[in-house]
Amino acid sequence: MDRVNTLLLEKVLKNLSKFSGTTQQRVNDWLLTINQVFDACELPEQQRRKWAIGFLSDEAVQQTTNQI
């Protein structure tokens, strides 16, 4: 069963869209999706921010980098 979970997780992460911060994307929808993935991965709350940064692109990365 672990192998199946790993394969499913890899597929979900590969297909997870990055958040760029453009007006075409809805941040609340993206946050809901990424949190559902993190829940499925059983990722602890304290690690979610660190991993979420990897799913940012363009302006969103710049804004995050400026705030850290």
N, C-alpha and C. Protein backbone atom coordinates (compact mmCIF):
# COMPACT_ATOMS: atom_id res chain seq x y z
N MET A 1 0.82 -1.21 0.00
CA MET A 1 0.00 0.00 0.00
C MET A 1 0.85 1.26 0.00
N ASP A 2 2.00 1.24 0.64
CA ASP A 2 2.87 2.41 0.66
C ASP A 2 3.32 2.80 -0.74
N ARG A 3 3.60 1.82 -1.57
CA ARG A 3 4.04 2.09 -2.95
C ARG A 3 2.94 2.80 -3.73
N VAL A 4 1.71 2.39 -3.54
CA VAL A 4 0.58 3.02 -4.21
C VAL A 4 0.45 4.47 -3.75
N ASN A 5 0.55 4.69 -2.44
CA ASN A 5 0.47 6.05 -1.91
C ASN A 5 1.58 6.93 -2.47
N THR A 6 2.77 6.39 -2.56
CA THR A 6 3.90 7.14 -3.09
C THR A 6 3.67 7.52 -4.54
N LEU A 7 3.19 6.59 -5.34
CA LEU A 7 2.91 6.86 -6.75
C LEU A 7 1.82 7.92 -6.92
N LEU A 8 0.77 7.81 -6.13
CA LEU A 8 -0.31 8.78 -6.20
C LEU A 8 0.17 10.17 -5.78
N LEU A 9 0.96 10.21 -4.73
CA LEU A 9 1.49 11.48 -4.25
C LEU A 9 2.39 12.13 -5.29
N GLU A 10 3.25 11.35 -5.92
CA GLU A 10 4.13 11.88 -6.96
C GLU A 10 3.31 12.47 -8.10
N LYS A 11 2.25 11.80 -8.50
CA LYS A 11 1.40 12.28 -9.59
C LYS A 11 0.70 13.59 -9.19
N VAL A 12 0.18 13.63 -7.98
CA VAL A 12 -0.52 14.83 -7.51
C VAL A 12 0.44 16.01 -7.44
N LEU A 13 1.63 15.80 -6.88
CA LEU A 13 2.60 16.89 -6.76
C LEU A 13 3.09 17.36 -8.13
N LYS A 14 3.24 16.43 -9.04
CA LYS A 14 3.70 16.79 -10.39
C LYS A 14 2.67 17.67 -11.10
N ASN A 15 1.40 17.41 -10.85
CA ASN A 15 0.33 18.13 -11.53
C ASN A 15 -0.18 19.35 -10.76
N LEU A 16 0.36 19.59 -9.57
CA LEU A 16 -0.07 20.73 -8.77
C LEU A 16 0.43 22.02 -9.42
N SER A 17 -0.48 22.91 -9.71
CA SER A 17 -0.07 24.15 -10.38
C SER A 17 0.61 25.08 -9.39
N LYS A 18 1.59 25.80 -9.89
CA LYS A 18 2.30 26.78 -9.07
C LYS A 18 1.47 28.04 -9.00
N PHE A 19 1.64 28.77 -7.92
CA PHE A 19 0.95 30.04 -7.75
C PHE A 19 1.89 31.16 -8.15
N SER A 20 1.47 31.98 -9.11
CA SER A 20 2.34 33.03 -9.63
C SER A 20 1.99 34.42 -9.09
N GLY A 21 0.81 34.55 -8.53
CA GLY A 21 0.41 35.85 -8.00
C GLY A 21 -0.30 36.72 -9.02
N THR A 22 -0.59 36.19 -10.20
CA THR A 22 -1.30 36.98 -11.21
C THR A 22 -2.77 37.09 -10.84
N THR A 23 -3.43 38.05 -11.46
CA THR A 23 -4.85 38.27 -11.17
C THR A 23 -5.74 37.14 -11.68
N GLN A 24 -5.23 36.32 -12.60
CA GLN A 24 -6.01 35.21 -13.13
C GLN A 24 -6.15 34.07 -12.12
N GLN A 25 -5.25 34.02 -11.15
CA GLN A 25 -5.31 32.95 -10.16
C GLN A 25 -6.00 33.45 -8.89
N ARG A 26 -6.76 32.57 -8.29
CA ARG A 26 -7.44 32.89 -7.04
C ARG A 26 -6.66 32.26 -5.91
N VAL A 27 -6.10 33.10 -5.06
CA VAL A 27 -5.22 32.62 -4.00
C VAL A 27 -5.96 31.68 -3.06
N ASN A 28 -7.21 31.95 -2.74
CA ASN A 28 -7.95 31.08 -1.81
C ASN A 28 -8.15 29.68 -2.39
N ASP A 29 -8.43 29.61 -3.69
CA ASP A 29 -8.59 28.31 -4.34
C ASP A 29 -7.28 27.53 -4.33
N TRP A 30 -6.19 28.25 -4.63
CA TRP A 30 -4.87 27.61 -4.64
C TRP A 30 -4.49 27.12 -3.25
N LEU A 31 -4.73 27.94 -2.23
CA LEU A 31 -4.42 27.55 -0.86
C LEU A 31 -5.24 26.33 -0.43
N LEU A 32 -6.50 26.29 -0.81
CA LEU A 32 -7.34 25.14 -0.49
C LEU A 32 -6.76 23.88 -1.12
N THR A 33 -6.37 23.97 -2.39
CA THR A 33 -5.81 22.82 -3.10
C THR A 33 -4.51 22.35 -2.47
N ILE A 34 -3.59 23.28 -2.22
CA ILE A 34 -2.29 22.88 -1.69
C ILE A 34 -2.43 22.32 -0.27
N ASN A 35 -3.37 22.86 0.51
CA ASN A 35 -3.59 22.31 1.85
C ASN A 35 -4.21 20.92 1.80
N GLN A 36 -5.03 20.66 0.81
CA GLN A 36 -5.57 19.31 0.65
C GLN A 36 -4.45 18.32 0.33
N VAL A 37 -3.51 18.74 -0.51
CA VAL A 37 -2.37 17.90 -0.84
C VAL A 37 -1.51 17.68 0.40
N PHE A 38 -1.25 18.74 1.14
CA PHE A 38 -0.46 18.62 2.37
C PHE A 38 -1.15 17.71 3.39
N ASP A 39 -2.47 17.80 3.47
CA ASP A 39 -3.21 16.90 4.36
C ASP A 39 -3.03 15.45 3.94
N ALA A 40 -3.12 15.20 2.64
CA ALA A 40 -2.95 13.84 2.13
C ALA A 40 -1.54 13.32 2.42
N CYS A 41 -0.58 14.23 2.41
CA CYS A 41 0.82 13.86 2.70
C CYS A 41 1.08 13.76 4.20
N GLU A 42 0.09 14.17 5.00
CA GLU A 42 0.23 14.24 6.45
C GLU A 42 1.42 15.12 6.85
N LEU A 43 1.58 16.23 6.13
CA LEU A 43 2.66 17.17 6.38
C LEU A 43 2.30 18.04 7.58
N PRO A 44 3.16 18.08 8.58
CA PRO A 44 2.88 18.89 9.78
C PRO A 44 2.76 20.38 9.44
N GLU A 45 1.94 21.08 10.21
CA GLU A 45 1.70 22.51 9.99
C GLU A 45 2.99 23.32 9.91
N GLN A 46 3.94 23.04 10.78
CA GLN A 46 5.17 23.83 10.84
C GLN A 46 6.03 23.67 9.59
N GLN A 47 5.80 22.63 8.79
CA GLN A 47 6.59 22.42 7.58
C GLN A 47 5.87 22.89 6.31
N ARG A 48 4.61 23.19 6.41
CA ARG A 48 3.82 23.55 5.21
C ARG A 48 4.31 24.83 4.53
N ARG A 49 4.67 25.84 5.30
CA ARG A 49 5.13 27.09 4.69
C ARG A 49 6.41 26.87 3.90
N LYS A 50 7.32 26.09 4.50
CA LYS A 50 8.58 25.80 3.84
C LYS A 50 8.34 25.11 2.49
N TRP A 51 7.45 24.14 2.48
CA TRP A 51 7.18 23.40 1.25
C TRP A 51 6.33 24.19 0.27
N ALA A 52 5.43 25.03 0.76
CA ALA A 52 4.57 25.83 -0.12
C ALA A 52 5.39 26.78 -0.98
N ILE A 53 6.48 27.30 -0.45
CA ILE A 53 7.33 28.22 -1.22
C ILE A 53 7.81 27.56 -2.51
N GLY A 54 8.01 26.26 -2.49
CA GLY A 54 8.44 25.55 -3.69
C GLY A 54 7.39 25.51 -4.78
N PHE A 55 6.16 25.86 -4.45
CA PHE A 55 5.08 25.86 -5.43
C PHE A 55 4.68 27.28 -5.83
N LEU A 56 5.56 28.23 -5.58
CA LEU A 56 5.35 29.61 -6.01
C LEU A 56 6.20 29.90 -7.23
N SER A 57 5.77 30.83 -8.05
CA SER A 57 6.56 31.25 -9.20
C SER A 57 6.36 32.75 -9.44
N ASP A 58 7.20 33.29 -10.27
CA ASP A 58 7.10 34.67 -10.74
C ASP A 58 6.99 35.68 -9.59
N GLU A 59 5.95 36.52 -9.65
CA GLU A 59 5.78 37.59 -8.67
C GLU A 59 5.59 37.05 -7.26
N ALA A 60 4.95 35.92 -7.12
CA ALA A 60 4.71 35.37 -5.80
C ALA A 60 6.03 35.02 -5.10
N VAL A 61 7.00 34.53 -5.85
CA VAL A 61 8.31 34.21 -5.27
C VAL A 61 8.99 35.50 -4.83
N GLN A 62 8.94 36.51 -5.65
CA GLN A 62 9.57 37.79 -5.32
C GLN A 62 8.95 38.40 -4.07
N GLN A 63 7.64 38.36 -3.97
CA GLN A 63 6.96 38.92 -2.80
C GLN A 63 7.33 38.16 -1.54
N THR A 64 7.39 36.84 -1.63
CA THR A 64 7.74 36.02 -0.48
C THR A 64 9.18 36.26 -0.06
N THR A 65 10.07 36.34 -1.03
CA THR A 65 11.48 36.58 -0.75
C THR A 65 11.68 37.93 -0.07
N ASN A 66 10.95 38.93 -0.50
CA ASN A 66 11.06 40.26 0.10
C ASN A 66 10.55 40.30 1.54
N GLN A 67 9.63 39.39 1.89
CA GLN A 67 9.05 39.39 3.23
C GLN A 67 9.87 38.58 4.23
N ILE A 68 10.73 37.72 3.74
CA ILE A 68 11.51 36.86 4.64
C ILE A 68 12.73 37.59 5.14
